[in-house]
């Protein structure tokens, strides 16, 4: 099963909380654990129907996936391929946002 990133919602990723994704980055493969899903309730970016080239996209709330990774290497904000055993591959913009004592946290935002 692969996921359509244009129509994906926060609920699309909820079953995969706590599971490992592998980021194929410039630094090589890095394991990341899906740690949290944040819904931007006040966002109106995609609260309306959208049609592009005759294709209809239903409304969705903007959301972000938070991933926990190792402290080293620290990945730069870059486009990476995230691999998951059941979801397949997806190309996303992965951005670091905080380093804790035991991990590095990354975010992928969907508008």
PDB file of N, CA and C in Angstrom:
ATOM      1  N   UNK A   1       0.845  -1.183   0.000  1.00  0.00           N
ATOM      2  CA  UNK A   1       0.000   0.000   0.000  1.00  0.00           C
ATOM      3  C   UNK A   1       0.884   1.238   0.000  1.00  0.00           C
ATOM      4  N   UNK A   2       0.599   2.169  -0.882  1.00  0.00           N
ATOM      5  CA  UNK A   2       1.308   3.441  -0.842  1.00  0.00           C
ATOM      6  C   UNK A   2       0.291   4.527  -0.498  1.00  0.00           C
ATOM      7  N   UNK A   3       0.798   5.654  -0.030  1.00  0.00           N
ATOM      8  CA  UNK A   3      -0.074   6.720   0.421  1.00  0.00           C
ATOM      9  C   UNK A   3      -0.012   7.879  -0.575  1.00  0.00           C
ATOM     10  N   UNK A   4      -1.162   8.448  -0.908  1.00  0.00           N
ATOM     11  CA  UNK A   4      -1.235   9.606  -1.795  1.00  0.00           C
ATOM     12  C   UNK A   4      -1.070  10.850  -0.932  1.00  0.00           C
ATOM     13  N   UNK A   5       0.054  11.535  -1.056  1.00  0.00           N
ATOM     14  CA  UNK A   5       0.345  12.673  -0.193  1.00  0.00           C
ATOM     15  C   UNK A   5      -0.582  13.860  -0.436  1.00  0.00           C
ATOM     16  N   UNK A   6      -1.190  13.939  -1.607  1.00  0.00           N
ATOM     17  CA  UNK A   6      -2.108  15.043  -1.889  1.00  0.00           C
ATOM     18  C   UNK A   6      -3.410  14.890  -1.113  1.00  0.00           C
ATOM     19  N   UNK A   7      -3.863  13.664  -0.963  1.00  0.00           N
ATOM     20  CA  UNK A   7      -5.138  13.437  -0.274  1.00  0.00           C
ATOM     21  C   UNK A   7      -4.959  12.929   1.156  1.00  0.00           C
ATOM     22  N   UNK A   8      -3.727  12.689   1.573  1.00  0.00           N
ATOM     23  CA  UNK A   8      -3.473  12.162   2.923  1.00  0.00           C
ATOM     24  C   UNK A   8      -3.941  13.145   3.988  1.00  0.00           C
ATOM     25  N   UNK A   9      -4.445  12.592   5.074  1.00  0.00           N
ATOM     26  CA  UNK A   9      -4.865  13.389   6.225  1.00  0.00           C
ATOM     27  C   UNK A   9      -4.105  12.881   7.449  1.00  0.00           C
ATOM     28  N   UNK A  10      -4.286  13.560   8.551  1.00  0.00           N
ATOM     29  CA  UNK A  10      -3.634  13.094   9.780  1.00  0.00           C
ATOM     30  C   UNK A  10      -4.072  11.674  10.118  1.00  0.00           C
ATOM     31  N   UNK A  11      -5.326  11.350   9.821  1.00  0.00           N
ATOM     32  CA  UNK A  11      -5.841  10.007  10.095  1.00  0.00           C
ATOM     33  C   UNK A  11      -5.144   8.934   9.247  1.00  0.00           C
ATOM     34  N   UNK A  12      -4.632   9.335   8.087  1.00  0.00           N
ATOM     35  CA  UNK A  12      -3.920   8.387   7.223  1.00  0.00           C
ATOM     36  C   UNK A  12      -2.672   7.849   7.901  1.00  0.00           C
ATOM     37  N   UNK A  13      -2.051   8.669   8.770  1.00  0.00           N
ATOM     38  CA  UNK A  13      -0.801   8.278   9.417  1.00  0.00           C
ATOM     39  C   UNK A  13      -0.993   7.741  10.830  1.00  0.00           C
ATOM     40  N   UNK A  14      -2.155   7.956  11.426  1.00  0.00           N
ATOM     41  CA  UNK A  14      -2.394   7.558  12.821  1.00  0.00           C
ATOM     42  C   UNK A  14      -2.081   6.083  13.104  1.00  0.00           C
ATOM     43  N   UNK A  15      -2.417   5.143  12.220  1.00  0.00           N
ATOM     44  CA  UNK A  15      -2.120   3.737  12.521  1.00  0.00           C
ATOM     45  C   UNK A  15      -0.620   3.413  12.606  1.00  0.00           C
ATOM     46  N   UNK A  16       0.226   4.340  12.172  1.00  0.00           N
ATOM     47  CA  UNK A  16       1.658   4.077  12.092  1.00  0.00           C
ATOM     48  C   UNK A  16       2.456   4.772  13.201  1.00  0.00           C
ATOM     49  N   UNK A  17       1.748   5.308  14.199  1.00  0.00           N
ATOM     50  CA  UNK A  17       2.411   5.933  15.343  1.00  0.00           C
ATOM     51  C   UNK A  17       3.330   4.915  16.014  1.00  0.00           C
ATOM     52  N   UNK A  18       4.538   5.348  16.321  1.00  0.00           N
ATOM     53  CA  UNK A  18       5.497   4.465  16.990  1.00  0.00           C
ATOM     54  C   UNK A  18       6.268   3.560  16.053  1.00  0.00           C
ATOM     55  N   UNK A  19       5.939   3.588  14.770  1.00  0.00           N
ATOM     56  CA  UNK A  19       6.631   2.726  13.810  1.00  0.00           C
ATOM     57  C   UNK A  19       7.821   3.439  13.192  1.00  0.00           C
ATOM     58  N   UNK A  20       8.739   2.648  12.644  1.00  0.00           N
ATOM     59  CA  UNK A  20       9.970   3.179  12.072  1.00  0.00           C
ATOM     60  C   UNK A  20       9.818   3.446  10.582  1.00  0.00           C
ATOM     61  N   UNK A  21      10.273   4.623  10.194  1.00  0.00           N
ATOM     62  CA  UNK A  21      10.412   5.028   8.806  1.00  0.00           C
ATOM     63  C   UNK A  21      11.914   5.206   8.578  1.00  0.00           C
ATOM     64  N   UNK A  22      12.391   5.015   7.368  1.00  0.00           N
ATOM     65  CA  UNK A  22      13.798   5.228   7.068  1.00  0.00           C
ATOM     66  C   UNK A  22      13.916   6.405   6.116  1.00  0.00           C
ATOM     67  N   UNK A  23      14.653   7.430   6.537  1.00  0.00           N
ATOM     68  CA  UNK A  23      14.902   8.590   5.689  1.00  0.00           C
ATOM     69  C   UNK A  23      16.136   8.312   4.841  1.00  0.00           C
ATOM     70  N   UNK A  24      15.953   8.326   3.525  1.00  0.00           N
ATOM     71  CA  UNK A  24      17.082   8.218   2.607  1.00  0.00           C
ATOM     72  C   UNK A  24      17.545   9.644   2.340  1.00  0.00           C
ATOM     73  N   UNK A  25      18.627  10.039   3.002  1.00  0.00           N
ATOM     74  CA  UNK A  25      19.084  11.423   2.972  1.00  0.00           C
ATOM     75  C   UNK A  25      20.492  11.513   2.410  1.00  0.00           C
ATOM     76  N   UNK A  26      20.976  12.743   2.290  1.00  0.00           N
ATOM     77  CA  UNK A  26      22.358  12.959   1.835  1.00  0.00           C
ATOM     78  C   UNK A  26      23.352  12.316   2.796  1.00  0.00           C
ATOM     79  N   UNK A  27      22.969  12.168   4.073  1.00  0.00           N
ATOM     80  CA  UNK A  27      23.840  11.548   5.077  1.00  0.00           C
ATOM     81  C   UNK A  27      23.726  10.025   5.072  1.00  0.00           C
ATOM     82  N   UNK A  28      22.872   9.478   4.206  1.00  0.00           N
ATOM     83  CA  UNK A  28      22.638   8.042   4.171  1.00  0.00           C
ATOM     84  C   UNK A  28      21.317   7.700   4.833  1.00  0.00           C
ATOM     85  N   UNK A  29      21.001   6.407   4.999  1.00  0.00           N
ATOM     86  CA  UNK A  29      19.729   6.010   5.607  1.00  0.00           C
ATOM     87  C   UNK A  29      19.734   6.291   7.113  1.00  0.00           C
ATOM     88  N   UNK A  30      18.639   6.907   7.587  1.00  0.00           N
ATOM     89  CA  UNK A  30      18.508   7.242   9.005  1.00  0.00           C
ATOM     90  C   UNK A  30      17.143   6.767   9.493  1.00  0.00           C
ATOM     91  N   UNK A  31      17.100   5.926  10.532  1.00  0.00           N
ATOM     92  CA  UNK A  31      15.807   5.464  11.064  1.00  0.00           C
ATOM     93  C   UNK A  31      15.131   6.575  11.859  1.00  0.00           C
ATOM     94  N   UNK A  32      13.834   6.753  11.613  1.00  0.00           N
ATOM     95  CA  UNK A  32      13.027   7.751  12.308  1.00  0.00           C
ATOM     96  C   UNK A  32      11.755   7.094  12.806  1.00  0.00           C
ATOM     97  N   UNK A  33      11.353   7.416  14.015  1.00  0.00           N
ATOM     98  CA  UNK A  33      10.127   6.873  14.592  1.00  0.00           C
ATOM     99  C   UNK A  33       9.049   7.941  14.575  1.00  0.00           C
ATOM    100  N   UNK A  34       7.869   7.597  14.036  1.00  0.00           N
ATOM    101  CA  UNK A  34       6.748   8.538  14.047  1.00  0.00           C
ATOM    102  C   UNK A  34       6.297   8.714  15.490  1.00  0.00           C
ATOM    103  N   UNK A  35       6.492   9.925  15.999  1.00  0.00           N
ATOM    104  CA  UNK A  35       6.325  10.208  17.423  1.00  0.00           C
ATOM    105  C   UNK A  35       5.026  10.943  17.745  1.00  0.00           C
ATOM    106  N   UNK A  36       4.554  11.781  16.820  1.00  0.00           N
ATOM    107  CA  UNK A  36       3.386  12.610  17.122  1.00  0.00           C
ATOM    108  C   UNK A  36       2.769  13.106  15.818  1.00  0.00           C
ATOM    109  N   UNK A  37       1.474  13.376  15.883  1.00  0.00           N
ATOM    110  CA  UNK A  37       0.768  14.007  14.767  1.00  0.00           C
ATOM    111  C   UNK A  37       0.055  15.223  15.327  1.00  0.00           C
ATOM    112  N   UNK A  38       0.381  16.393  14.782  1.00  0.00           N
ATOM    113  CA  UNK A  38      -0.231  17.633  15.245  1.00  0.00           C
ATOM    114  C   UNK A  38      -1.160  18.160  14.158  1.00  0.00           C
ATOM    115  N   UNK A  39      -2.404  18.452  14.532  1.00  0.00           N
ATOM    116  CA  UNK A  39      -3.380  19.024  13.611  1.00  0.00           C
ATOM    117  C   UNK A  39      -3.455  20.518  13.877  1.00  0.00           C
ATOM    118  N   UNK A  40      -3.322  21.318  12.828  1.00  0.00           N
ATOM    119  CA  UNK A  40      -3.410  22.770  12.943  1.00  0.00           C
ATOM    120  C   UNK A  40      -4.881  23.173  12.801  1.00  0.00           C
ATOM    121  N   UNK A  41      -5.580  23.161  13.921  1.00  0.00           N
ATOM    122  CA  UNK A  41      -7.027  23.395  13.921  1.00  0.00           C
ATOM    123  C   UNK A  41      -7.420  24.750  13.338  1.00  0.00           C
ATOM    124  N   UNK A  42      -6.593  25.765  13.540  1.00  0.00           N
ATOM    125  CA  UNK A  42      -6.934  27.107  13.053  1.00  0.00           C
ATOM    126  C   UNK A  42      -6.596  27.332  11.597  1.00  0.00           C
ATOM    127  N   UNK A  43      -5.969  26.373  10.955  1.00  0.00           N
ATOM    128  CA  UNK A  43      -5.554  26.533   9.571  1.00  0.00           C
ATOM    129  C   UNK A  43      -6.738  26.451   8.621  1.00  0.00           C
ATOM    130  N   UNK A  44      -6.753  27.332   7.641  1.00  0.00           N
ATOM    131  CA  UNK A  44      -7.787  27.281   6.601  1.00  0.00           C
ATOM    132  C   UNK A  44      -7.160  27.067   5.227  1.00  0.00           C
ATOM    133  N   UNK A  45      -5.919  26.593   5.201  1.00  0.00           N
ATOM    134  CA  UNK A  45      -5.206  26.417   3.939  1.00  0.00           C
ATOM    135  C   UNK A  45      -5.964  25.497   2.998  1.00  0.00           C
ATOM    136  N   UNK A  46      -6.387  24.335   3.474  1.00  0.00           N
ATOM    137  CA  UNK A  46      -7.106  23.386   2.623  1.00  0.00           C
ATOM    138  C   UNK A  46      -8.448  23.023   3.235  1.00  0.00           C
ATOM    139  N   UNK A  47      -9.105  23.997   3.860  1.00  0.00           N
ATOM    140  CA  UNK A  47     -10.429  23.724   4.412  1.00  0.00           C
ATOM    141  C   UNK A  47     -11.511  23.737   3.342  1.00  0.00           C
ATOM    142  N   UNK A  48     -11.135  24.095   2.118  1.00  0.00           N
ATOM    143  CA  UNK A  48     -12.097  24.162   1.019  1.00  0.00           C
ATOM    144  C   UNK A  48     -11.759  23.116  -0.027  1.00  0.00           C
ATOM    145  N   UNK A  49     -12.755  22.801  -0.864  1.00  0.00           N
ATOM    146  CA  UNK A  49     -12.503  21.905  -1.986  1.00  0.00           C
ATOM    147  C   UNK A  49     -11.480  22.544  -2.914  1.00  0.00           C
ATOM    148  N   UNK A  50     -10.688  21.706  -3.564  1.00  0.00           N
ATOM    149  CA  UNK A  50      -9.654  22.182  -4.472  1.00  0.00           C
ATOM    150  C   UNK A  50      -9.725  21.344  -5.737  1.00  0.00           C
ATOM    151  N   UNK A  51      -9.707  22.006  -6.888  1.00  0.00           N
ATOM    152  CA  UNK A  51      -9.682  21.300  -8.161  1.00  0.00           C
ATOM    153  C   UNK A  51      -8.502  21.818  -8.971  1.00  0.00           C
ATOM    154  N   UNK A  52      -7.629  20.896  -9.377  1.00  0.00           N
ATOM    155  CA  UNK A  52      -6.466  21.241 -10.188  1.00  0.00           C
ATOM    156  C   UNK A  52      -6.468  20.324 -11.396  1.00  0.00           C
ATOM    157  N   UNK A  53      -6.495  20.926 -12.578  1.00  0.00           N
ATOM    158  CA  UNK A  53      -6.470  20.132 -13.806  1.00  0.00           C
ATOM    159  C   UNK A  53      -7.600  19.137 -13.890  1.00  0.00           C
ATOM    160  N   UNK A  54      -8.760  19.507 -13.370  1.00  0.00           N
ATOM    161  CA  UNK A  54      -9.920  18.631 -13.412  1.00  0.00           C
ATOM    162  C   UNK A  54      -9.952  17.565 -12.336  1.00  0.00           C
ATOM    163  N   UNK A  55      -8.930  17.519 -11.485  1.00  0.00           N
ATOM    164  CA  UNK A  55      -8.889  16.536 -10.398  1.00  0.00           C
ATOM    165  C   UNK A  55      -9.347  17.214  -9.109  1.00  0.00           C
ATOM    166  N   UNK A  56     -10.310  16.582  -8.431  1.00  0.00           N
ATOM    167  CA  UNK A  56     -10.875  17.134  -7.198  1.00  0.00           C
ATOM    168  C   UNK A  56     -10.121  16.615  -5.980  1.00  0.00           C
ATOM    169  N   UNK A  57      -9.736  17.538  -5.092  1.00  0.00           N
ATOM    170  CA  UNK A  57      -9.082  17.190  -3.834  1.00  0.00           C
ATOM    171  C   UNK A  57      -9.967  17.670  -2.700  1.00  0.00           C
ATOM    172  N   UNK A  58     -10.385  16.772  -1.813  1.00  0.00           N
ATOM    173  CA  UNK A  58     -11.276  17.159  -0.725  1.00  0.00           C
ATOM    174  C   UNK A  58     -10.549  18.039   0.295  1.00  0.00           C
ATOM    175  N   UNK A  59     -11.302  18.791   1.092  1.00  0.00           N
ATOM    176  CA  UNK A  59     -10.671  19.625   2.117  1.00  0.00           C
ATOM    177  C   UNK A  59      -9.958  18.781   3.164  1.00  0.00           C
ATOM    178  N   UNK A  60      -8.952  19.382   3.790  1.00  0.00           N
ATOM    179  CA  UNK A  60      -8.268  18.731   4.904  1.00  0.00           C
ATOM    180  C   UNK A  60      -7.648  19.807   5.784  1.00  0.00           C
ATOM    181  N   UNK A  61      -7.495  19.490   7.046  1.00  0.00           N
ATOM    182  CA  UNK A  61      -6.786  20.358   7.980  1.00  0.00           C
ATOM    183  C   UNK A  61      -5.286  20.167   7.771  1.00  0.00           C
ATOM    184  N   UNK A  62      -4.543  21.264   7.851  1.00  0.00           N
ATOM    185  CA  UNK A  62      -3.088  21.149   7.811  1.00  0.00           C
ATOM    186  C   UNK A  62      -2.646  20.355   9.036  1.00  0.00           C
ATOM    187  N   UNK A  63      -1.581  19.572   8.876  1.00  0.00           N
ATOM    188  CA  UNK A  63      -1.079  18.778   9.987  1.00  0.00           C
ATOM    189  C   UNK A  63       0.421  18.573   9.824  1.00  0.00           C
ATOM    190  N   UNK A  64       1.053  18.156  10.900  1.00  0.00           N
ATOM    191  CA  UNK A  64       2.491  17.880  10.877  1.00  0.00           C
ATOM    192  C   UNK A  64       2.760  16.540  11.536  1.00  0.00           C
ATOM    193  N   UNK A  65       3.719  15.827  10.973  1.00  0.00           N
ATOM    194  CA  UNK A  65       4.212  14.585  11.557  1.00  0.00           C
ATOM    195  C   UNK A  65       5.519  14.905  12.261  1.00  0.00           C
ATOM    196  N   UNK A  66       5.659  14.453  13.502  1.00  0.00           N
ATOM    197  CA  UNK A  66       6.906  14.614  14.238  1.00  0.00           C
ATOM    198  C   UNK A  66       7.597  13.257  14.303  1.00  0.00           C
ATOM    199  N   UNK A  67       8.867  13.254  13.938  1.00  0.00           N
ATOM    200  CA  UNK A  67       9.674  12.037  13.961  1.00  0.00           C
ATOM    201  C   UNK A  67      10.817  12.196  14.951  1.00  0.00           C
ATOM    202  N   UNK A  68      11.122  11.114  15.646  1.00  0.00           N
ATOM    203  CA  UNK A  68      12.264  11.063  16.559  1.00  0.00           C
ATOM    204  C   UNK A  68      13.363  10.256  15.880  1.00  0.00           C
ATOM    205  N   UNK A  69      14.564  10.848  15.835  1.00  0.00           N
ATOM    206  CA  UNK A  69      15.697  10.171  15.216  1.00  0.00           C
ATOM    207  C   UNK A  69      16.905  10.204  16.124  1.00  0.00           C
ATOM    208  N   UNK A  70      17.994   9.586  15.699  1.00  0.00           N
ATOM    209  CA  UNK A  70      19.209   9.595  16.504  1.00  0.00           C
ATOM    210  C   UNK A  70      19.804  11.008  16.579  1.00  0.00           C
ATOM    211  N   UNK A  71      20.605  11.241  17.601  1.00  0.00           N
ATOM    212  CA  UNK A  71      21.262  12.552  17.751  1.00  0.00           C
ATOM    213  C   UNK A  71      22.266  12.815  16.628  1.00  0.00           C
ATOM    214  N   UNK A  72      22.848  11.774  16.092  1.00  0.00           N
ATOM    215  CA  UNK A  72      23.825  11.898  14.997  1.00  0.00           C
ATOM    216  C   UNK A  72      23.474  10.872  13.926  1.00  0.00           C
ATOM    217  N   UNK A  73      23.539  11.186  12.673  1.00  0.00           N
ATOM    218  CA  UNK A  73      23.818  12.506  12.143  1.00  0.00           C
ATOM    219  C   UNK A  73      22.587  13.398  12.252  1.00  0.00           C
ATOM    220  N   UNK A  74      22.799  14.695  12.319  1.00  0.00           N
ATOM    221  CA  UNK A  74      21.690  15.651  12.281  1.00  0.00           C
ATOM    222  C   UNK A  74      21.423  15.954  10.817  1.00  0.00           C
ATOM    223  N   UNK A  75      20.229  15.652  10.379  1.00  0.00           N
ATOM    224  CA  UNK A  75      19.867  15.903   8.986  1.00  0.00           C
ATOM    225  C   UNK A  75      19.499  17.369   8.806  1.00  0.00           C
ATOM    226  N   UNK A  76      19.936  17.933   7.697  1.00  0.00           N
ATOM    227  CA  UNK A  76      19.562  19.301   7.344  1.00  0.00           C
ATOM    228  C   UNK A  76      18.113  19.308   6.876  1.00  0.00           C
ATOM    229  N   UNK A  77      17.528  20.478   6.813  1.00  0.00           N
ATOM    230  CA  UNK A  77      16.205  20.601   6.220  1.00  0.00           C
ATOM    231  C   UNK A  77      16.360  20.299   4.735  1.00  0.00           C
ATOM    232  N   UNK A  78      15.780  19.182   4.303  1.00  0.00           N
ATOM    233  CA  UNK A  78      15.951  18.746   2.919  1.00  0.00           C
ATOM    234  C   UNK A  78      14.810  17.830   2.499  1.00  0.00           C
ATOM    235  N   UNK A  79      14.693  17.673   1.211  1.00  0.00           N
ATOM    236  CA  UNK A  79      13.733  16.722   0.658  1.00  0.00           C
ATOM    237  C   UNK A  79      14.352  15.331   0.756  1.00  0.00           C
ATOM    238  N   UNK A  80      13.622  14.425   1.385  1.00  0.00           N
ATOM    239  CA  UNK A  80      14.098  13.060   1.561  1.00  0.00           C
ATOM    240  C   UNK A  80      13.018  12.083   1.109  1.00  0.00           C
ATOM    241  N   UNK A  81      13.438  10.873   0.857  1.00  0.00           N
ATOM    242  CA  UNK A  81      12.488   9.797   0.638  1.00  0.00           C
ATOM    243  C   UNK A  81      12.335   9.063   1.964  1.00  0.00           C
ATOM    244  N   UNK A  82      11.114   9.014   2.474  1.00  0.00           N
ATOM    245  CA  UNK A  82      10.818   8.229   3.670  1.00  0.00           C
ATOM    246  C   UNK A  82      10.293   6.883   3.211  1.00  0.00           C
ATOM    247  N   UNK A  83      10.911   5.826   3.708  1.00  0.00           N
ATOM    248  CA  UNK A  83      10.489   4.465   3.375  1.00  0.00           C
ATOM    249  C   UNK A  83       9.803   3.851   4.579  1.00  0.00           C
ATOM    250  N   UNK A  84       8.702   3.155   4.314  1.00  0.00           N
ATOM    251  CA  UNK A  84       7.973   2.459   5.371  1.00  0.00           C
ATOM    252  C   UNK A  84       7.518   1.121   4.809  1.00  0.00           C
ATOM    253  N   UNK A  85       7.614   0.088   5.616  1.00  0.00           N
ATOM    254  CA  UNK A  85       7.313  -1.273   5.154  1.00  0.00           C
ATOM    255  C   UNK A  85       5.916  -1.403   4.552  1.00  0.00           C
ATOM    256  N   UNK A  86       4.911  -0.744   5.145  1.00  0.00           N
ATOM    257  CA  UNK A  86       3.531  -0.899   4.647  1.00  0.00           C
ATOM    258  C   UNK A  86       3.066   0.270   3.796  1.00  0.00           C
ATOM    259  N   UNK A  87       3.611   1.472   4.030  1.00  0.00           N
ATOM    260  CA  UNK A  87       3.176   2.654   3.279  1.00  0.00           C
ATOM    261  C   UNK A  87       3.956   2.861   1.989  1.00  0.00           C
ATOM    262  N   UNK A  88       5.097   2.220   1.880  1.00  0.00           N
ATOM    263  CA  UNK A  88       5.930   2.422   0.699  1.00  0.00           C
ATOM    264  C   UNK A  88       6.800   3.661   0.857  1.00  0.00           C
ATOM    265  N   UNK A  89       7.210   4.224  -0.280  1.00  0.00           N
ATOM    266  CA  UNK A  89       8.090   5.384  -0.285  1.00  0.00           C
ATOM    267  C   UNK A  89       7.287   6.659  -0.496  1.00  0.00           C
ATOM    268  N   UNK A  90       7.735   7.738   0.166  1.00  0.00           N
ATOM    269  CA  UNK A  90       7.118   9.050  -0.041  1.00  0.00           C
ATOM    270  C   UNK A  90       8.208  10.106   0.022  1.00  0.00           C
ATOM    271  N   UNK A  91       8.156  11.065  -0.870  1.00  0.00           N
ATOM    272  CA  UNK A  91       9.129  12.146  -0.897  1.00  0.00           C
ATOM    273  C   UNK A  91       8.531  13.349  -0.190  1.00  0.00           C
ATOM    274  N   UNK A  92       9.230  13.814   0.858  1.00  0.00           N
ATOM    275  CA  UNK A  92       8.724  14.894   1.712  1.00  0.00           C
ATOM    276  C   UNK A  92       9.856  15.847   2.091  1.00  0.00           C
ATOM    277  N   UNK A  93       9.490  17.033   2.555  1.00  0.00           N
ATOM    278  CA  UNK A  93      10.459  17.971   3.107  1.00  0.00           C
ATOM    279  C   UNK A  93      10.550  17.699   4.604  1.00  0.00           C
ATOM    280  N   UNK A  94      11.700  17.246   5.050  1.00  0.00           N
ATOM    281  CA  UNK A  94      11.943  16.904   6.450  1.00  0.00           C
ATOM    282  C   UNK A  94      12.793  18.011   7.056  1.00  0.00           C
ATOM    283  N   UNK A  95      12.343  18.569   8.182  1.00  0.00           N
ATOM    284  CA  UNK A  95      13.062  19.671   8.821  1.00  0.00           C
ATOM    285  C   UNK A  95      13.356  19.351  10.278  1.00  0.00           C
ATOM    286  N   UNK A  96      14.615  19.551  10.709  1.00  0.00           N
ATOM    287  CA  UNK A  96      14.931  19.374  12.128  1.00  0.00           C
ATOM    288  C   UNK A  96      14.373  20.553  12.915  1.00  0.00           C
ATOM    289  N   UNK A  97      13.918  20.314  14.155  1.00  0.00           N
ATOM    290  CA  UNK A  97      13.446  21.458  14.940  1.00  0.00           C
ATOM    291  C   UNK A  97      13.902  21.451  16.383  1.00  0.00           C
ATOM    292  N   UNK A  98      14.401  20.330  16.890  1.00  0.00           N
ATOM    293  CA  UNK A  98      14.895  20.345  18.269  1.00  0.00           C
ATOM    294  C   UNK A  98      15.752  19.116  18.534  1.00  0.00           C
ATOM    295  N   UNK A  99      16.838  19.359  19.258  1.00  0.00           N
ATOM    296  CA  UNK A  99      17.675  18.247  19.696  1.00  0.00           C
ATOM    297  C   UNK A  99      17.514  18.100  21.201  1.00  0.00           C
ATOM    298  N   UNK A 100      17.126  16.917  21.625  1.00  0.00           N
ATOM    299  CA  UNK A 100      17.009  16.611  23.048  1.00  0.00           C
ATOM    300  C   UNK A 100      18.271  15.877  23.495  1.00  0.00           C
ATOM    301  N   UNK A 101      18.308  15.479  24.760  1.00  0.00           N
ATOM    302  CA  UNK A 101      19.472  14.758  25.270  1.00  0.00           C
ATOM    303  C   UNK A 101      19.642  13.396  24.614  1.00  0.00           C
ATOM    304  N   UNK A 102      18.529  12.782  24.179  1.00  0.00           N
ATOM    305  CA  UNK A 102      18.618  11.424  23.646  1.00  0.00           C
ATOM    306  C   UNK A 102      18.249  11.298  22.169  1.00  0.00           C
ATOM    307  N   UNK A 103      17.746  12.384  21.551  1.00  0.00           N
ATOM    308  CA  UNK A 103      17.282  12.252  20.170  1.00  0.00           C
ATOM    309  C   UNK A 103      17.264  13.601  19.449  1.00  0.00           C
ATOM    310  N   UNK A 104      17.027  13.531  18.160  1.00  0.00           N
ATOM    311  CA  UNK A 104      16.797  14.704  17.319  1.00  0.00           C
ATOM    312  C   UNK A 104      15.364  14.600  16.825  1.00  0.00           C
ATOM    313  N   UNK A 105      14.641  15.713  16.852  1.00  0.00           N
ATOM    314  CA  UNK A 105      13.251  15.727  16.402  1.00  0.00           C
ATOM    315  C   UNK A 105      13.146  16.415  15.045  1.00  0.00           C
ATOM    316  N   UNK A 106      12.324  15.820  14.176  1.00  0.00           N
ATOM    317  CA  UNK A 106      12.114  16.315  12.816  1.00  0.00           C
ATOM    318  C   UNK A 106      10.623  16.480  12.576  1.00  0.00           C
ATOM    319  N   UNK A 107      10.302  17.311  11.590  1.00  0.00           N
ATOM    320  CA  UNK A 107       8.898  17.577  11.285  1.00  0.00           C
ATOM    321  C   UNK A 107       8.680  17.543   9.767  1.00  0.00           C
ATOM    322  N   UNK A 108       7.522  17.010   9.387  1.00  0.00           N
ATOM    323  CA  UNK A 108       7.046  17.057   8.002  1.00  0.00           C
ATOM    324  C   UNK A 108       5.656  17.697   8.071  1.00  0.00           C
ATOM    325  N   UNK A 109       5.479  18.806   7.347  1.00  0.00           N
ATOM    326  CA  UNK A 109       4.224  19.551   7.392  1.00  0.00           C
ATOM    327  C   UNK A 109       3.419  19.298   6.112  1.00  0.00           C
ATOM    328  N   UNK A 110       2.127  19.080   6.279  1.00  0.00           N
ATOM    329  CA  UNK A 110       1.199  18.896   5.169  1.00  0.00           C
ATOM    330  C   UNK A 110       0.187  20.040   5.206  1.00  0.00           C
ATOM    331  N   UNK A 111       0.165  20.853   4.148  1.00  0.00           N
ATOM    332  CA  UNK A 111      -0.809  21.953   4.055  1.00  0.00           C
ATOM    333  C   UNK A 111      -1.915  21.595   3.104  1.00  0.00           C
TER     334      UNK A 111
END
